[in-house]
Amino acid sequence: MNTNSIPKGWWLNVTVMARKENPEWLVGVLREGKGVWITEAAFVNFKTPDEAYKKGMAFIEKYNEKYG
């Protein structure tokens, strides 16, 4: 997971669901607004933080392709 590759104006919040057994990872995808961070998407049920990170980066890539 290379956080330096997250495009400027974006933030990925990768965190673990606190469960005693079978922890799951989730990712929140946030875009910088004029005065606040805007949550564009959230994805759950990943087995590793890398899987969550890759999903978040894929979302950003598709978003940027569509909206520039």
N, C-alpha and C. Protein backbone atom coordinates (compact mmCIF):
# COMPACT_ATOMS: atom_id res chain seq x y z
N MET A 1 0.86 -1.17 0.00
CA MET A 1 0.00 0.00 0.00
C MET A 1 0.90 1.23 0.00
N ASN A 2 0.86 1.97 -1.09
CA ASN A 2 1.69 3.17 -1.22
C ASN A 2 0.80 4.40 -1.19
N THR A 3 0.70 5.02 -0.02
CA THR A 3 -0.19 6.17 0.10
C THR A 3 0.28 7.38 -0.70
N ASN A 4 1.53 7.38 -1.14
CA ASN A 4 2.02 8.48 -1.98
C ASN A 4 1.37 8.49 -3.36
N SER A 5 0.74 7.37 -3.74
CA SER A 5 0.12 7.30 -5.06
C SER A 5 -1.33 7.78 -5.06
N ILE A 6 -1.86 8.14 -3.89
CA ILE A 6 -3.22 8.69 -3.84
C ILE A 6 -3.17 10.08 -4.49
N PRO A 7 -4.04 10.33 -5.49
CA PRO A 7 -4.01 11.63 -6.16
C PRO A 7 -4.32 12.78 -5.20
N LYS A 8 -3.75 13.93 -5.51
CA LYS A 8 -3.99 15.14 -4.71
C LYS A 8 -5.50 15.44 -4.70
N GLY A 9 -5.99 15.80 -3.54
CA GLY A 9 -7.40 16.11 -3.39
C GLY A 9 -8.25 14.91 -2.99
N TRP A 10 -7.61 13.77 -2.78
CA TRP A 10 -8.31 12.56 -2.37
C TRP A 10 -7.73 12.03 -1.06
N TRP A 11 -8.55 11.29 -0.34
CA TRP A 11 -8.11 10.69 0.92
C TRP A 11 -8.78 9.33 1.03
N LEU A 12 -7.99 8.31 1.34
CA LEU A 12 -8.52 6.97 1.59
C LEU A 12 -8.40 6.68 3.07
N ASN A 13 -9.51 6.32 3.68
CA ASN A 13 -9.53 5.96 5.09
C ASN A 13 -9.72 4.45 5.19
N VAL A 14 -8.63 3.72 5.33
CA VAL A 14 -8.67 2.26 5.45
C VAL A 14 -8.60 1.92 6.93
N THR A 15 -9.57 1.14 7.39
CA THR A 15 -9.61 0.79 8.81
C THR A 15 -10.20 -0.61 9.00
N VAL A 16 -9.95 -1.17 10.13
CA VAL A 16 -10.43 -2.51 10.45
C VAL A 16 -11.72 -2.42 11.26
N MET A 17 -12.63 -3.36 10.99
CA MET A 17 -13.83 -3.49 11.83
C MET A 17 -13.39 -4.25 13.06
N ALA A 18 -13.61 -3.70 14.22
CA ALA A 18 -13.13 -4.29 15.47
C ALA A 18 -14.01 -5.48 15.86
N ARG A 19 -13.59 -6.63 15.40
CA ARG A 19 -14.27 -7.88 15.75
C ARG A 19 -13.25 -8.83 16.34
N LYS A 20 -13.68 -9.58 17.32
CA LYS A 20 -12.76 -10.51 17.97
C LYS A 20 -12.32 -11.61 17.01
N GLU A 21 -13.25 -12.11 16.21
CA GLU A 21 -12.94 -13.14 15.23
C GLU A 21 -13.29 -12.63 13.84
N ASN A 22 -12.55 -13.08 12.87
CA ASN A 22 -12.78 -12.73 11.46
C ASN A 22 -12.87 -11.22 11.23
N PRO A 23 -11.84 -10.48 11.56
CA PRO A 23 -11.89 -9.03 11.31
C PRO A 23 -12.03 -8.74 9.82
N GLU A 24 -12.72 -7.66 9.51
CA GLU A 24 -12.90 -7.22 8.14
C GLU A 24 -12.36 -5.81 8.02
N TRP A 25 -11.92 -5.48 6.82
CA TRP A 25 -11.41 -4.14 6.54
C TRP A 25 -12.41 -3.37 5.70
N LEU A 26 -12.39 -2.07 5.85
CA LEU A 26 -13.25 -1.21 5.04
C LEU A 26 -12.45 -0.01 4.56
N VAL A 27 -12.97 0.64 3.52
CA VAL A 27 -12.31 1.85 3.00
C VAL A 27 -13.37 2.91 2.73
N GLY A 28 -13.08 4.11 3.18
CA GLY A 28 -13.87 5.27 2.85
C GLY A 28 -13.09 6.09 1.83
N VAL A 29 -13.76 6.54 0.79
CA VAL A 29 -13.12 7.33 -0.27
C VAL A 29 -13.65 8.76 -0.16
N LEU A 30 -12.75 9.68 0.15
CA LEU A 30 -13.14 11.07 0.36
C LEU A 30 -12.46 11.98 -0.65
N ARG A 31 -13.21 12.98 -1.11
CA ARG A 31 -12.70 13.96 -2.06
C ARG A 31 -12.71 15.33 -1.37
N GLU A 32 -11.67 16.09 -1.60
CA GLU A 32 -11.56 17.40 -0.97
C GLU A 32 -12.53 18.38 -1.61
N GLY A 33 -13.37 19.00 -0.78
CA GLY A 33 -14.27 20.04 -1.25
C GLY A 33 -13.69 21.41 -0.92
N LYS A 34 -14.52 22.44 -1.02
CA LYS A 34 -14.04 23.80 -0.75
C LYS A 34 -13.68 24.02 0.71
N GLY A 35 -14.45 23.43 1.61
CA GLY A 35 -14.15 23.62 3.03
C GLY A 35 -14.24 22.35 3.85
N VAL A 36 -14.61 21.24 3.19
CA VAL A 36 -14.80 19.98 3.90
C VAL A 36 -14.38 18.82 3.00
N TRP A 37 -14.22 17.65 3.60
CA TRP A 37 -14.00 16.43 2.84
C TRP A 37 -15.35 15.80 2.55
N ILE A 38 -15.57 15.39 1.30
CA ILE A 38 -16.84 14.81 0.87
C ILE A 38 -16.65 13.30 0.72
N THR A 39 -17.48 12.53 1.41
CA THR A 39 -17.42 11.07 1.28
C THR A 39 -18.09 10.69 -0.03
N GLU A 40 -17.30 10.16 -0.95
CA GLU A 40 -17.81 9.75 -2.25
C GLU A 40 -18.27 8.30 -2.24
N ALA A 41 -17.63 7.45 -1.45
CA ALA A 41 -17.98 6.03 -1.42
C ALA A 41 -17.41 5.37 -0.18
N ALA A 42 -18.00 4.23 0.18
CA ALA A 42 -17.48 3.39 1.26
C ALA A 42 -17.69 1.94 0.85
N PHE A 43 -16.67 1.12 1.07
CA PHE A 43 -16.72 -0.29 0.70
C PHE A 43 -16.28 -1.13 1.89
N VAL A 44 -16.92 -2.28 2.07
CA VAL A 44 -16.65 -3.13 3.23
C VAL A 44 -16.37 -4.58 2.81
N ASN A 45 -16.05 -5.40 3.80
CA ASN A 45 -15.88 -6.85 3.65
C ASN A 45 -14.58 -7.25 2.96
N PHE A 46 -13.49 -6.60 3.25
CA PHE A 46 -12.19 -6.98 2.70
C PHE A 46 -11.42 -7.78 3.73
N LYS A 47 -10.64 -8.74 3.27
CA LYS A 47 -9.85 -9.59 4.18
C LYS A 47 -8.54 -8.93 4.60
N THR A 48 -8.04 -8.00 3.79
CA THR A 48 -6.77 -7.33 4.10
C THR A 48 -6.90 -5.83 3.84
N PRO A 49 -6.03 -5.03 4.46
CA PRO A 49 -6.05 -3.59 4.18
C PRO A 49 -5.64 -3.29 2.74
N ASP A 50 -4.79 -4.13 2.15
CA ASP A 50 -4.38 -3.91 0.76
C ASP A 50 -5.55 -4.05 -0.20
N GLU A 51 -6.42 -5.03 0.05
CA GLU A 51 -7.61 -5.20 -0.79
C GLU A 51 -8.49 -3.95 -0.71
N ALA A 52 -8.68 -3.44 0.49
CA ALA A 52 -9.51 -2.24 0.68
C ALA A 52 -8.88 -1.04 -0.03
N TYR A 53 -7.58 -0.89 0.12
CA TYR A 53 -6.86 0.21 -0.52
C TYR A 53 -7.00 0.15 -2.04
N LYS A 54 -6.83 -1.04 -2.61
CA LYS A 54 -6.93 -1.20 -4.07
C LYS A 54 -8.32 -0.85 -4.57
N LYS A 55 -9.36 -1.22 -3.82
CA LYS A 55 -10.73 -0.87 -4.20
C LYS A 55 -10.91 0.64 -4.18
N GLY A 56 -10.39 1.29 -3.16
CA GLY A 56 -10.48 2.75 -3.08
C GLY A 56 -9.76 3.44 -4.23
N MET A 57 -8.58 2.95 -4.56
CA MET A 57 -7.82 3.54 -5.67
C MET A 57 -8.54 3.31 -7.00
N ALA A 58 -9.15 2.14 -7.16
CA ALA A 58 -9.91 1.86 -8.39
C ALA A 58 -11.09 2.81 -8.52
N PHE A 59 -11.75 3.11 -7.39
CA PHE A 59 -12.87 4.05 -7.41
C PHE A 59 -12.39 5.43 -7.86
N ILE A 60 -11.29 5.89 -7.28
CA ILE A 60 -10.75 7.21 -7.65
C ILE A 60 -10.41 7.26 -9.13
N GLU A 61 -9.80 6.21 -9.64
CA GLU A 61 -9.42 6.16 -11.06
C GLU A 61 -10.66 6.27 -11.96
N LYS A 62 -11.71 5.51 -11.64
CA LYS A 62 -12.94 5.56 -12.44
C LYS A 62 -13.62 6.92 -12.31
N TYR A 63 -13.62 7.48 -11.12
CA TYR A 63 -14.21 8.79 -10.89
C TYR A 63 -13.50 9.85 -11.72
N ASN A 64 -12.18 9.82 -11.69
CA ASN A 64 -11.40 10.81 -12.44
C ASN A 64 -11.56 10.64 -13.95
N GLU A 65 -11.71 9.41 -14.43
CA GLU A 65 -11.95 9.17 -15.85
C GLU A 65 -13.30 9.77 -16.27
N LYS A 66 -14.28 9.63 -15.41
CA LYS A 66 -15.64 10.11 -15.73
C LYS A 66 -15.79 11.63 -15.59
N TYR A 67 -15.23 12.17 -14.52
CA TYR A 67 -15.44 13.58 -14.20
C TYR A 67 -14.22 14.47 -14.40
N GLY A 68 -13.07 13.85 -14.65
CA GLY A 68 -11.87 14.66 -14.87
C GLY A 68 -11.17 15.06 -13.68
